[in-house]
N, C-alpha and C. Protein backbone atom coordinates (compact mmCIF):
# COMPACT_ATOMS: atom_id res chain seq x y z
N MET A 1 0.59 -1.41 0.31
CA MET A 1 -0.27 0.08 -0.17
C MET A 1 0.73 1.25 -0.11
N GLU A 2 1.84 1.18 0.92
CA GLU A 2 2.61 2.37 0.82
C GLU A 2 3.66 2.63 -0.41
N ALA A 3 4.03 1.69 -1.07
CA ALA A 3 5.03 1.65 -2.36
C ALA A 3 3.45 2.41 -3.27
N VAL A 4 2.15 1.78 -3.32
CA VAL A 4 1.28 2.46 -4.46
C VAL A 4 1.25 3.95 -4.09
N LEU A 5 0.99 4.33 -2.80
CA LEU A 5 0.83 5.75 -2.42
C LEU A 5 1.93 6.85 -2.74
N THR A 6 3.25 6.20 -2.56
CA THR A 6 4.45 6.63 -3.22
C THR A 6 4.56 6.86 -4.49
N GLU A 7 4.21 5.85 -5.33
CA GLU A 7 3.66 5.88 -6.98
C GLU A 7 3.01 7.00 -7.45
N ILE A 8 1.84 7.21 -6.62
CA ILE A 8 0.55 8.08 -6.81
C ILE A 8 1.66 9.70 -6.22
N GLU A 9 2.07 9.77 -5.55
CA GLU A 9 2.38 11.14 -5.02
C GLU A 9 3.76 11.41 -6.22
N ASP A 10 4.45 10.29 -6.24
CA ASP A 10 5.53 10.75 -7.72
C ASP A 10 4.87 11.33 -8.85
N GLY A 11 3.74 10.65 -9.30
CA GLY A 11 3.29 10.49 -10.37
C GLY A 11 2.25 12.38 -10.18
N GLU A 12 1.93 12.44 -9.60
CA GLU A 12 1.47 13.84 -9.22
C GLU A 12 2.41 15.41 -9.26
N ALA A 13 3.54 14.77 -8.53
CA ALA A 13 4.67 15.89 -8.42
C ALA A 13 5.20 15.97 -9.71
N ALA A 14 5.42 14.85 -10.91
CA ALA A 14 5.91 14.82 -12.34
C ALA A 14 4.78 15.56 -12.85
N ARG A 15 3.84 15.65 -12.55
CA ARG A 15 2.63 16.33 -13.29
C ARG A 15 2.81 17.66 -12.94
N ILE A 16 2.82 18.12 -11.93
CA ILE A 16 3.17 19.61 -11.33
C ILE A 16 4.09 20.03 -11.93
N GLU A 17 5.40 19.30 -12.13
CA GLU A 17 6.64 19.77 -12.54
C GLU A 17 6.40 20.27 -13.83
N ARG A 18 6.04 19.23 -14.70
CA ARG A 18 5.57 19.49 -16.01
C ARG A 18 4.82 20.42 -16.21
N TYR A 19 3.82 20.83 -15.61
CA TYR A 19 2.91 22.02 -15.82
C TYR A 19 3.73 23.31 -15.64
N LEU A 20 4.49 23.39 -14.63
CA LEU A 20 5.62 24.72 -14.37
C LEU A 20 6.13 24.76 -15.58
N ARG A 21 6.79 23.69 -15.80
CA ARG A 21 7.96 23.81 -16.94
C ARG A 21 7.11 24.50 -18.43
N ASP A 22 5.83 23.96 -18.38
CA ASP A 22 5.14 24.08 -19.50
C ASP A 22 5.07 25.64 -19.18
N ASN A 23 4.71 26.16 -18.38
CA ASN A 23 4.01 27.61 -17.97
C ASN A 23 5.26 28.40 -17.22
N PRO A 24 6.17 29.00 -17.78
CA PRO A 24 7.30 29.13 -16.74
C PRO A 24 6.77 30.66 -16.20
N ASP A 25 5.45 31.40 -16.63
CA ASP A 25 5.13 32.77 -15.74
C ASP A 25 4.24 32.35 -14.47
N PHE A 26 3.79 30.99 -14.25
CA PHE A 26 2.80 31.00 -13.45
C PHE A 26 3.03 31.44 -12.02
N LEU A 27 4.38 31.10 -11.74
CA LEU A 27 4.63 31.93 -10.23
C LEU A 27 4.74 33.08 -10.21
N ALA A 28 5.13 33.94 -11.35
CA ALA A 28 5.53 35.19 -11.40
C ALA A 28 4.23 35.93 -11.48
N GLU A 29 3.35 35.55 -11.75
CA GLU A 29 1.92 35.85 -12.14
C GLU A 29 1.36 35.75 -10.63
N ARG A 30 1.80 34.86 -10.15
CA ARG A 30 1.00 34.76 -8.76
C ARG A 30 1.90 34.99 -7.64
N PRO A 31 2.43 36.24 -7.03
CA PRO A 31 3.45 36.56 -6.31
C PRO A 31 2.80 35.83 -5.00
N SER A 32 1.47 36.21 -4.71
CA SER A 32 1.29 35.37 -3.38
C SER A 32 1.73 34.00 -2.73
N LEU A 33 1.64 33.41 -4.08
CA LEU A 33 1.61 31.78 -3.79
C LEU A 33 3.35 31.82 -2.91
N TYR A 34 4.18 32.70 -3.21
CA TYR A 34 5.32 32.42 -2.61
C TYR A 34 5.62 32.22 -1.29
N ALA A 35 4.57 33.19 -0.60
CA ALA A 35 4.58 33.01 1.00
C ALA A 35 4.30 31.48 1.44
N SER A 36 3.62 30.77 0.52
CA SER A 36 3.50 29.24 1.05
C SER A 36 4.60 28.45 0.48
N LEU A 37 5.28 28.58 -0.22
CA LEU A 37 6.47 27.82 -0.68
C LEU A 37 7.62 27.94 0.42
N ALA A 38 8.40 26.95 0.31
CA ALA A 38 9.42 27.00 1.41
C ALA A 38 10.91 27.22 0.24
N PRO A 39 11.42 28.39 0.65
CA PRO A 39 12.64 28.73 -0.16
C PRO A 39 13.79 27.46 -0.74
N PRO A 40 14.27 27.54 -1.73
CA PRO A 40 15.32 26.69 -2.11
C PRO A 40 16.62 26.40 -1.03
N ARG A 41 17.11 25.47 -0.87
CA ARG A 41 18.15 25.41 -0.13
C ARG A 41 19.53 26.21 -0.33
N ARG A 42 19.83 26.06 -1.63
CA ARG A 42 20.93 26.42 -2.38
C ARG A 42 20.22 27.25 -3.42
N VAL A 43 21.57 28.29 -3.99
CA VAL A 43 21.06 28.63 -5.34
C VAL A 43 21.80 28.37 -6.22
N HIS A 44 21.14 27.55 -7.33
CA HIS A 44 21.95 26.89 -8.68
C HIS A 44 21.28 27.87 -9.83
N GLY A 45 22.28 28.69 -10.05
CA GLY A 45 21.64 29.62 -11.22
C GLY A 45 20.70 30.48 -11.44
N GLU A 46 20.71 31.52 -12.23
CA GLU A 46 20.06 32.92 -12.03
C GLU A 46 18.69 32.59 -11.90
N SER A 47 18.04 31.44 -12.50
CA SER A 47 16.32 31.22 -12.34
C SER A 47 16.18 31.34 -10.84
N LEU A 48 16.95 30.27 -10.13
CA LEU A 48 16.53 30.02 -8.63
C LEU A 48 16.39 31.26 -7.98
N ALA A 49 17.70 31.95 -8.18
CA ALA A 49 17.94 33.20 -7.60
C ALA A 49 17.03 34.04 -7.99
N ASP A 50 16.30 34.44 -9.00
CA ASP A 50 15.18 35.23 -9.16
C ASP A 50 13.84 34.58 -8.48
N HIS A 51 13.91 33.74 -8.20
CA HIS A 51 12.55 32.69 -7.18
C HIS A 51 12.93 33.13 -6.04
N MET A 52 14.22 32.96 -5.06
CA MET A 52 14.30 33.27 -4.10
C MET A 52 14.35 35.02 -3.91
N LEU A 53 14.79 35.83 -4.72
CA LEU A 53 15.08 36.90 -4.58
C LEU A 53 12.90 37.53 -4.45
N ALA A 54 12.16 37.00 -5.69
CA ALA A 54 10.89 36.76 -5.89
C ALA A 54 10.07 36.81 -4.12
N MET A 55 10.79 35.51 -3.75
CA MET A 55 9.86 35.05 -2.42
C MET A 55 10.50 36.56 -1.30
N LEU A 56 11.77 36.76 -1.31
CA LEU A 56 11.98 37.71 -0.49
C LEU A 56 11.25 39.08 -0.47
N GLU A 57 11.02 39.78 -1.64
CA GLU A 57 10.62 40.52 -2.26
C GLU A 57 8.89 40.56 -1.69
N ASN A 58 8.44 39.51 -2.01
CA ASN A 58 7.21 39.43 -1.14
C ASN A 58 6.66 39.52 -0.11
N GLU A 59 7.75 38.90 0.75
CA GLU A 59 7.43 39.25 2.27
C GLU A 59 7.76 40.66 2.77
N ARG A 60 8.72 41.23 2.06
CA ARG A 60 9.21 42.52 2.15
C ARG A 60 8.04 43.63 1.94
N ALA A 61 7.36 43.27 0.83
CA ALA A 61 6.27 43.97 0.51
C ALA A 61 4.82 43.81 1.66
N LYS A 62 4.76 42.28 1.95
CA LYS A 62 3.62 42.16 3.40
C LYS A 62 4.25 43.02 4.57
N ALA A 63 5.72 42.99 4.59
CA ALA A 63 6.10 43.80 5.92
C ALA A 63 5.98 45.13 5.64
N ARG A 64 6.07 45.77 4.80
CA ARG A 64 5.50 46.96 4.44
C ARG A 64 4.30 47.17 4.42
N ALA A 65 3.50 46.55 4.07
CA ALA A 65 1.82 46.91 4.09
C ALA A 65 1.85 46.58 5.60
N LEU A 66 1.95 45.83 6.27
CA LEU A 66 2.07 45.64 7.82
C LEU A 66 2.32 46.74 8.57
N THR A 67 3.22 47.27 8.35
CA THR A 67 4.04 48.61 9.16
C THR A 67 2.70 49.73 8.60
N SER A 68 2.64 49.75 7.63
CA SER A 68 2.17 51.02 7.02
C SER A 68 0.11 50.73 7.79
N GLU A 69 -0.07 49.60 7.96
CA GLU A 69 -1.45 49.41 8.03
C GLU A 69 -1.40 49.86 10.03
N LEU A 70 -0.43 49.34 10.38
CA LEU A 70 0.01 49.74 12.19
C LEU A 70 0.24 50.97 12.25
N ALA A 71 0.84 51.92 11.58
CA ALA A 71 0.98 53.38 11.79
C ALA A 71 -0.21 54.21 11.48
N GLU A 72 -0.86 53.58 10.63
CA GLU A 72 -2.21 54.20 10.37
C GLU A 72 -3.41 53.82 11.51
N ALA A 73 -3.12 52.95 12.03
CA ALA A 73 -4.07 52.49 13.28
C ALA A 73 -3.70 53.25 14.31
N ILE A 74 -2.47 53.27 14.79
CA ILE A 74 -1.71 54.35 15.63
C ILE A 74 -2.23 55.88 15.54
N SER A 75 -2.00 56.48 14.45
CA SER A 75 -2.52 57.97 14.11
C SER A 75 -3.88 57.87 14.37
N HIS A 76 -4.73 57.25 13.82
CA HIS A 76 -6.32 56.95 14.18
C HIS A 76 -6.58 56.85 15.68
N GLY A 77 -5.64 56.20 15.97
CA GLY A 77 -6.12 56.07 17.51
C GLY A 77 -5.77 57.44 18.78
N ARG A 78 -4.69 57.93 18.06
CA ARG A 78 -4.28 59.20 18.84
C ARG A 78 -5.27 60.49 18.28
N ALA A 79 -5.88 60.28 17.30
CA ALA A 79 -6.66 61.33 16.97
C ALA A 79 -7.65 61.15 17.57
N ASP A 80 -8.49 60.11 17.76
CA ASP A 80 -9.53 59.54 18.59
C ASP A 80 -9.57 59.81 19.79
N ALA A 81 -8.56 59.55 20.25
CA ALA A 81 -8.39 60.17 21.74
C ALA A 81 -8.26 61.54 21.89
N GLY A 82 -7.64 62.27 21.06
CA GLY A 82 -7.31 63.76 21.26
C GLY A 82 -9.13 64.39 21.09
N PHE A 83 -9.39 63.63 19.95
CA PHE A 83 -11.44 64.59 20.08
C PHE A 83 -11.97 63.99 21.03
N GLY A 84 -11.67 62.57 21.73
CA GLY A 84 -12.56 62.30 22.97
C GLY A 84 -12.33 63.51 23.97
N ALA A 85 -11.10 63.81 24.23
CA ALA A 85 -10.38 64.61 25.47
C ALA A 85 -11.49 66.09 25.01
N ARG A 86 -11.12 66.38 23.75
CA ARG A 86 -11.69 67.92 23.49
C ARG A 86 -12.98 68.05 23.79
N THR A 87 -13.89 66.60 23.42
CA THR A 87 -15.44 66.68 23.30
C THR A 87 -15.53 66.88 24.92
N ARG A 88 -15.12 66.00 25.44
CA ARG A 88 -15.03 65.90 27.35
C ARG A 88 -14.94 67.49 27.75
N ALA A 89 -14.03 68.19 27.29
CA ALA A 89 -13.55 70.01 27.59
C ALA A 89 -14.79 70.54 27.17
N ALA A 90 -15.56 70.37 25.94
CA ALA A 90 -16.39 71.13 25.85
C ALA A 90 -17.95 70.60 26.28
N VAL A 91 -18.08 69.43 26.99
CA VAL A 91 -18.93 69.30 27.79
C VAL A 91 -19.41 69.86 29.30
N LEU A 92 -18.10 69.81 29.50
CA LEU A 92 -17.55 70.67 31.04
C LEU A 92 -18.12 71.82 30.76
N ALA A 93 -17.40 72.56 29.89
CA ALA A 93 -18.06 73.97 29.52
C ALA A 93 -19.25 74.37 29.67
N LEU A 94 -19.81 73.48 28.93
CA LEU A 94 -21.42 73.71 28.68
C LEU A 94 -21.96 73.56 30.02
N VAL A 95 -21.56 72.28 30.99
CA VAL A 95 -22.29 72.46 32.01
C VAL A 95 -22.20 73.58 32.96
N ALA A 96 -21.35 74.03 32.81
CA ALA A 96 -21.02 75.31 33.68
C ALA A 96 -21.57 76.74 33.27
N ALA A 97 -22.02 76.68 31.78
CA ALA A 97 -22.64 77.64 31.42
C ALA A 97 -24.05 78.26 31.76
N PRO A 98 -24.02 79.73 31.63
CA PRO A 98 -25.97 80.09 31.88
C PRO A 98 -26.47 79.83 30.78
N ASP A 99 -25.64 80.28 29.27
CA ASP A 99 -26.46 79.94 28.27
C ASP A 99 -25.78 78.88 26.95
N PRO A 100 -26.50 77.71 27.24
CA PRO A 100 -25.80 76.75 26.26
C PRO A 100 -25.58 76.94 24.77
N VAL A 101 -26.67 77.88 24.35
CA VAL A 101 -26.09 78.18 22.84
C VAL A 101 -25.15 79.21 22.59
N GLU A 102 -25.12 80.01 23.29
CA GLU A 102 -23.42 80.72 23.49
C GLU A 102 -22.62 80.23 23.59
N CYS A 103 -22.49 79.14 24.48
CA CYS A 103 -21.32 78.23 24.96
C CYS A 103 -21.17 77.44 23.43
N ALA A 104 -22.16 76.71 22.99
CA ALA A 104 -21.89 76.27 21.81
C ALA A 104 -21.36 76.93 20.94
N LEU A 105 -21.85 78.43 20.42
CA LEU A 105 -21.56 78.88 19.33
C LEU A 105 -19.92 79.65 19.86
N ALA A 106 -20.00 79.96 20.62
CA ALA A 106 -18.62 80.98 21.13
C ALA A 106 -17.65 80.23 21.63
N GLU A 107 -17.90 79.27 22.45
CA GLU A 107 -16.47 78.37 23.05
C GLU A 107 -16.32 77.30 22.51
N TRP A 108 -17.24 76.23 21.89
CA TRP A 108 -17.04 75.11 21.62
C TRP A 108 -16.10 74.98 20.28
N PRO A 109 -15.90 76.05 19.08
CA PRO A 109 -14.92 76.00 18.18
C PRO A 109 -13.62 75.82 18.58
N SER A 110 -12.98 76.61 19.62
CA SER A 110 -11.63 76.56 20.21
C SER A 110 -11.50 75.35 20.88
N LEU A 111 -12.34 74.95 21.84
CA LEU A 111 -12.48 73.89 22.85
C LEU A 111 -12.51 72.60 21.76
N LEU A 112 -13.03 72.32 20.66
CA LEU A 112 -13.05 71.11 20.05
C LEU A 112 -12.19 71.52 19.09
N GLY A 113 -11.36 72.51 18.63
CA GLY A 113 -10.26 72.36 17.82
C GLY A 113 -10.74 72.34 16.29
N ILE A 114 -11.76 73.12 16.15
CA ILE A 114 -12.65 73.08 14.60
C ILE A 114 -12.61 74.57 14.33
N ASP A 115 -13.21 74.97 13.06
CA ASP A 115 -13.39 76.51 12.85
C ASP A 115 -14.52 76.93 12.65
N HIS A 116 -15.67 75.99 12.50
CA HIS A 116 -17.17 76.36 12.61
C HIS A 116 -17.82 76.00 13.07
N ILE A 117 -19.03 76.72 13.88
CA ILE A 117 -20.14 76.00 14.32
C ILE A 117 -21.35 76.68 14.01
N THR A 118 -22.27 75.87 13.40
CA THR A 118 -23.89 76.18 13.61
C THR A 118 -24.69 75.67 14.06
N LEU A 119 -25.86 76.26 14.72
CA LEU A 119 -27.09 75.95 15.12
C LEU A 119 -27.99 76.64 14.64
N ALA A 120 -28.97 75.74 13.76
CA ALA A 120 -29.95 75.91 12.97
C ALA A 120 -31.04 75.12 13.54
N ALA A 121 -32.27 75.96 13.03
CA ALA A 121 -33.71 75.30 12.92
C ALA A 121 -34.27 75.48 11.78
N GLU A 122 -35.30 74.56 11.29
CA GLU A 122 -36.44 74.88 9.94
C GLU A 122 -37.29 76.23 10.51
N GLY A 123 -37.87 76.82 9.63
CA GLY A 123 -38.41 78.06 9.55
C GLY A 123 -37.70 79.06 9.57
N ALA A 124 -38.47 80.07 10.84
CA ALA A 124 -37.57 81.27 10.98
C ALA A 124 -37.26 81.37 12.61
N PRO A 125 -36.37 80.69 13.01
CA PRO A 125 -35.99 80.86 14.44
C PRO A 125 -35.37 81.90 14.63
N PRO A 126 -35.50 82.10 15.92
CA PRO A 126 -34.83 83.58 16.37
C PRO A 126 -33.48 83.55 16.65
N PRO A 127 -32.64 84.72 16.59
CA PRO A 127 -31.24 84.65 16.47
C PRO A 127 -30.73 84.15 17.99
N PRO A 128 -29.74 83.74 17.83
CA PRO A 128 -28.73 83.52 16.78
C PRO A 128 -28.56 82.10 15.80
N LEU A 129 -29.94 81.60 16.33
CA LEU A 129 -30.19 80.18 15.42
C LEU A 129 -30.23 80.66 13.94
N THR A 130 -29.59 79.80 13.18
CA THR A 130 -29.42 79.66 11.48
C THR A 130 -30.96 79.11 11.15
N PRO A 131 -31.75 80.06 10.11
CA PRO A 131 -32.83 79.31 9.69
C PRO A 131 -32.26 78.39 8.86
N LEU A 132 -33.31 77.15 8.38
CA LEU A 132 -33.22 76.05 7.43
C LEU A 132 -34.67 76.00 6.62
N PRO A 133 -34.64 75.85 5.27
CA PRO A 133 -35.92 75.52 4.90
C PRO A 133 -36.72 74.21 5.17
N PRO A 134 -37.72 74.17 5.39
CA PRO A 134 -38.43 73.10 6.19
C PRO A 134 -37.99 72.00 5.37
N GLY A 135 -37.89 70.84 6.24
CA GLY A 135 -37.79 69.33 5.58
C GLY A 135 -35.86 69.23 5.44
N THR A 136 -35.26 70.29 6.12
CA THR A 136 -33.75 69.98 5.87
C THR A 136 -33.18 68.86 6.70
N ILE A 137 -33.70 69.16 7.75
CA ILE A 137 -32.51 68.39 9.09
C ILE A 137 -33.27 66.86 8.57
N ASP A 138 -34.28 66.39 8.17
CA ASP A 138 -34.64 64.98 7.81
C ASP A 138 -33.93 64.47 6.48
N ARG A 139 -33.57 65.38 5.78
CA ARG A 139 -33.23 65.15 4.48
C ARG A 139 -31.57 65.00 4.75
N LEU A 140 -30.77 65.85 5.56
CA LEU A 140 -29.59 65.48 5.69
C LEU A 140 -29.15 64.60 6.63
N LEU A 141 -30.17 64.33 7.57
CA LEU A 141 -30.19 63.18 8.85
C LEU A 141 -31.38 62.27 8.51
N PRO A 142 -31.55 61.19 7.68
CA PRO A 142 -32.86 60.54 7.54
C PRO A 142 -32.97 59.82 8.30
N ALA A 143 -34.40 59.22 8.60
CA ALA A 143 -34.73 58.27 9.32
C ALA A 143 -34.55 58.59 10.91
N GLY A 144 -34.31 59.44 11.40
CA GLY A 144 -34.13 60.00 12.52
C GLY A 144 -32.51 59.52 12.94
N GLN A 145 -31.94 59.88 12.21
CA GLN A 145 -30.43 59.59 12.42
C GLN A 145 -30.04 60.81 13.00
N GLU A 146 -29.04 60.31 13.96
CA GLU A 146 -28.49 61.39 15.21
C GLU A 146 -27.27 62.18 14.73
N VAL A 147 -26.46 61.35 14.17
CA VAL A 147 -25.53 62.34 13.81
C VAL A 147 -24.51 61.27 12.54
N THR A 148 -24.00 62.25 11.83
CA THR A 148 -23.18 61.57 10.51
C THR A 148 -22.02 62.83 10.26
N LEU A 149 -21.02 61.95 9.84
CA LEU A 149 -19.58 62.86 9.43
C LEU A 149 -19.25 62.65 8.22
N ARG A 150 -19.11 63.96 7.55
CA ARG A 150 -19.50 63.91 6.16
C ARG A 150 -17.83 64.41 5.64
N LEU A 151 -17.33 63.41 4.80
CA LEU A 151 -15.96 63.85 4.17
C LEU A 151 -15.68 64.86 2.99
N THR A 152 -17.07 65.23 2.49
CA THR A 152 -17.02 65.86 1.29
C THR A 152 -18.54 66.39 1.52
N PRO A 153 -18.39 67.41 2.48
CA PRO A 153 -19.71 68.36 2.92
C PRO A 153 -20.39 68.91 1.30
N THR A 154 -21.73 68.39 1.53
CA THR A 154 -22.61 69.23 0.32
C THR A 154 -23.18 70.22 1.28
N GLU A 155 -23.97 71.38 -0.01
CA GLU A 155 -24.78 72.26 0.49
C GLU A 155 -24.17 73.21 1.76
N ALA A 156 -23.02 73.29 1.73
CA ALA A 156 -22.10 74.05 2.66
C ALA A 156 -22.66 75.63 2.89
N PRO A 157 -22.90 76.24 2.02
CA PRO A 157 -23.21 77.51 2.04
C PRO A 157 -24.35 77.65 3.19
N LEU A 158 -25.42 76.92 2.47
CA LEU A 158 -27.24 76.63 3.38
C LEU A 158 -26.49 76.57 4.97
N ILE A 159 -25.57 75.64 5.24
CA ILE A 159 -25.18 75.18 6.60
C ILE A 159 -24.18 76.08 7.02
N HIS A 160 -23.09 76.42 6.54
CA HIS A 160 -21.77 76.85 7.10
C HIS A 160 -21.46 78.27 6.94
N ALA A 161 -22.61 78.98 5.89
CA ALA A 161 -22.52 80.25 5.78
C ALA A 161 -21.28 81.04 5.07
N GLU A 162 -21.04 81.95 5.55
CA GLU A 162 -19.73 82.46 4.88
C GLU A 162 -18.64 81.65 5.36
N ALA A 163 -18.57 80.87 6.26
CA ALA A 163 -17.41 79.87 6.22
C ALA A 163 -17.40 78.75 5.48
N ALA A 164 -18.05 78.98 4.69
CA ALA A 164 -18.45 77.80 4.13
C ALA A 164 -17.05 77.27 3.02
N THR A 165 -16.25 78.46 2.46
CA THR A 165 -15.22 77.59 1.70
C THR A 165 -14.23 77.38 2.35
N LEU A 166 -14.46 77.52 3.80
CA LEU A 166 -13.09 77.07 4.70
C LEU A 166 -13.08 75.52 4.72
N ILE A 167 -14.46 74.95 5.17
CA ILE A 167 -14.76 73.69 5.19
C ILE A 167 -14.43 72.55 4.42
N ALA A 168 -13.52 71.69 4.80
CA ALA A 168 -13.24 70.50 4.12
C ALA A 168 -13.92 69.35 4.77
N ARG A 169 -14.27 69.36 6.02
CA ARG A 169 -15.23 67.89 6.58
C ARG A 169 -15.97 68.86 7.52
N ASP A 170 -17.41 67.95 7.59
CA ASP A 170 -18.33 68.51 8.57
C ASP A 170 -18.94 67.31 9.36
N ALA A 171 -19.47 67.78 10.54
CA ALA A 171 -20.19 66.54 11.32
C ALA A 171 -21.77 67.60 11.27
N LEU A 172 -22.74 66.61 11.31
CA LEU A 172 -24.19 67.00 11.35
C LEU A 172 -24.33 66.23 12.48
N LEU A 173 -25.48 66.96 13.60
CA LEU A 173 -26.04 66.49 14.55
C LEU A 173 -27.39 66.62 14.68
N ARG A 174 -28.23 66.09 15.16
CA ARG A 174 -29.52 66.19 15.33
C ARG A 174 -30.00 66.39 16.86
N ILE A 175 -30.26 67.71 17.29
CA ILE A 175 -30.65 67.79 18.69
C ILE A 175 -32.42 67.67 18.65
N ALA A 176 -32.59 66.66 19.50
CA ALA A 176 -34.01 66.30 19.64
C ALA A 176 -34.62 67.07 20.76
N LEU A 177 -35.44 68.11 20.25
CA LEU A 177 -36.33 68.80 21.19
C LEU A 177 -37.71 68.79 21.25
N PRO A 178 -38.33 68.79 22.53
CA PRO A 178 -39.83 68.31 22.21
C PRO A 178 -40.69 69.45 21.00
N ALA A 179 -40.08 70.59 21.18
CA ALA A 179 -40.99 71.68 20.02
C ALA A 179 -40.56 71.38 18.86
N ARG A 180 -39.02 71.30 18.24
CA ARG A 180 -38.67 71.01 17.19
C ARG A 180 -37.39 70.81 17.12
N PRO A 181 -36.83 69.88 16.22
CA PRO A 181 -35.36 69.55 16.55
C PRO A 181 -34.51 70.59 15.75
N LEU A 182 -32.97 70.67 16.47
CA LEU A 182 -32.38 71.79 15.78
C LEU A 182 -31.32 70.65 15.21
N LEU A 183 -30.40 71.54 14.37
CA LEU A 183 -29.05 71.01 13.42
C LEU A 183 -28.30 71.71 14.30
N LEU A 184 -27.08 70.83 14.84
CA LEU A 184 -25.63 71.26 15.21
C LEU A 184 -24.91 70.94 14.10
N ALA A 185 -24.16 71.76 13.60
CA ALA A 185 -23.18 71.57 12.38
C ALA A 185 -21.60 71.95 12.79
N LEU A 186 -20.63 71.25 12.79
CA LEU A 186 -19.15 71.23 13.18
C LEU A 186 -18.72 71.25 12.08
N GLY A 187 -17.98 72.09 11.57
CA GLY A 187 -17.22 72.46 10.55
C GLY A 187 -15.67 72.60 10.69
N ALA A 188 -14.73 71.98 10.03
CA ALA A 188 -13.09 72.12 10.20
C ALA A 188 -12.69 71.89 8.77
N ARG A 189 -11.59 72.89 8.63
CA ARG A 189 -10.83 73.13 7.26
C ARG A 189 -9.95 72.01 7.37
N ASP A 190 -9.27 71.31 8.61
CA ASP A 190 -8.38 70.24 8.57
C ASP A 190 -9.24 69.20 8.95
N GLU A 191 -8.99 68.03 8.35
CA GLU A 191 -9.68 66.99 8.19
C GLU A 191 -9.39 66.11 9.71
N ALA A 192 -8.23 66.30 9.88
CA ALA A 192 -7.62 65.67 11.38
C ALA A 192 -8.49 66.18 12.82
N ALA A 193 -9.17 67.18 12.53
CA ALA A 193 -9.96 67.73 13.64
C ALA A 193 -11.46 67.06 13.64
N LEU A 194 -11.80 66.58 12.57
CA LEU A 194 -12.98 65.34 12.84
C LEU A 194 -12.47 63.99 12.19
N PRO A 195 -11.87 63.16 13.07
CA PRO A 195 -11.32 62.01 12.73
C PRO A 195 -12.43 61.04 12.31
N ARG A 196 -11.86 60.49 11.18
CA ARG A 196 -13.09 59.75 10.70
C ARG A 196 -13.20 58.31 11.49
N ARG A 197 -12.21 57.95 12.06
CA ARG A 197 -12.61 56.49 12.82
C ARG A 197 -12.95 57.19 14.36
N GLY A 198 -14.18 56.67 14.79
CA GLY A 198 -14.00 57.04 16.53
C GLY A 198 -14.55 57.99 16.87
N ALA A 199 -14.97 59.03 16.03
CA ALA A 199 -15.59 60.38 16.22
C ALA A 199 -17.05 60.34 16.57
N LEU A 200 -17.88 59.56 15.94
CA LEU A 200 -19.29 59.39 15.88
C LEU A 200 -19.91 59.25 17.27
N PRO A 201 -19.43 58.24 18.27
CA PRO A 201 -19.84 58.25 19.70
C PRO A 201 -19.86 59.64 20.26
N HIS A 202 -18.60 60.14 20.22
CA HIS A 202 -18.22 61.40 20.68
C HIS A 202 -18.88 62.42 20.45
N LEU A 203 -19.39 62.55 19.29
CA LEU A 203 -20.18 63.37 18.50
C LEU A 203 -21.47 63.44 19.17
N ALA A 204 -22.13 62.38 18.96
CA ALA A 204 -22.99 61.85 19.69
C ALA A 204 -23.79 62.21 21.11
N PHE A 205 -22.69 61.87 21.67
CA PHE A 205 -22.75 62.46 23.20
C PHE A 205 -22.88 64.06 23.38
N LEU A 206 -21.90 64.43 22.61
CA LEU A 206 -21.97 65.95 22.59
C LEU A 206 -23.50 66.76 22.36
N GLY A 207 -23.92 65.83 21.05
CA GLY A 207 -25.34 66.26 21.00
C GLY A 207 -26.46 66.23 21.86
N ARG A 208 -26.41 64.95 22.70
CA ARG A 208 -26.96 64.99 23.74
C ARG A 208 -26.90 65.75 24.92
N ALA A 209 -25.75 65.92 24.90
CA ALA A 209 -25.22 66.98 26.08
C ALA A 209 -25.88 67.92 25.77
N LEU A 210 -26.01 68.62 24.71
CA LEU A 210 -26.47 70.14 24.33
C LEU A 210 -27.96 70.15 24.39
N GLY A 211 -28.71 68.63 23.84
CA GLY A 211 -30.20 68.85 23.78
C GLY A 211 -30.55 68.87 25.64
N ALA A 212 -29.57 68.07 26.54
CA ALA A 212 -30.19 67.83 28.05
C ALA A 212 -29.95 69.52 28.46
N ALA A 213 -28.91 70.21 28.11
CA ALA A 213 -28.94 71.80 28.61
C ALA A 213 -29.92 72.77 27.94
N LEU A 214 -30.12 72.30 27.04
CA LEU A 214 -31.06 73.48 26.43
C LEU A 214 -32.72 73.16 27.23
N LEU A 215 -32.71 71.87 27.64
CA LEU A 215 -34.37 71.80 28.45
C LEU A 215 -34.11 72.15 29.76
N ARG A 216 -32.74 72.66 30.50
CA ARG A 216 -32.61 72.86 31.58
C ARG A 216 -33.93 73.88 32.08
């Protein structure tokens, strides 16, 4: 039985070898396979040297990709931690403020490290609220959505007014109030000021804190 198995394995190996000889570009066109192959023990001629070099280059490419992913994760982690700390500072200022709207519009931009804040309502709200056409909030935050982070802001003049040309990224928050919802818009010219990863929970907390303060 062992002899039969050995003969089958030898025949299979011969077929594989024959196929590779007939298709010399097979491995070159599939560099990911090098990670599954054991390297030659010795270099015999340019062809084997090229294969060893290809295997090494494949592993180096994987290492570079892993290093890049790790650096990106660390960068996003730091940005997330920084934004979380800024959010907590903004909420603490809100707790101590006699006027929540003035605190949000005047103090939050510097505390959050952003460039512009708008607090808006549909219809004809009193100043300093920004008026919006009816249906705007549900269109920007559909189905009761609480917060969104927009990497490419649309309708910036409507939301950010004279600061629209500065805004490269913004966050929109629905402030749920019994009478009518408000829209809080945070705008930044520096994309890192509103990190893509991890910011949404902090933003949602910020919106809830403002809503609670407005009901005091």
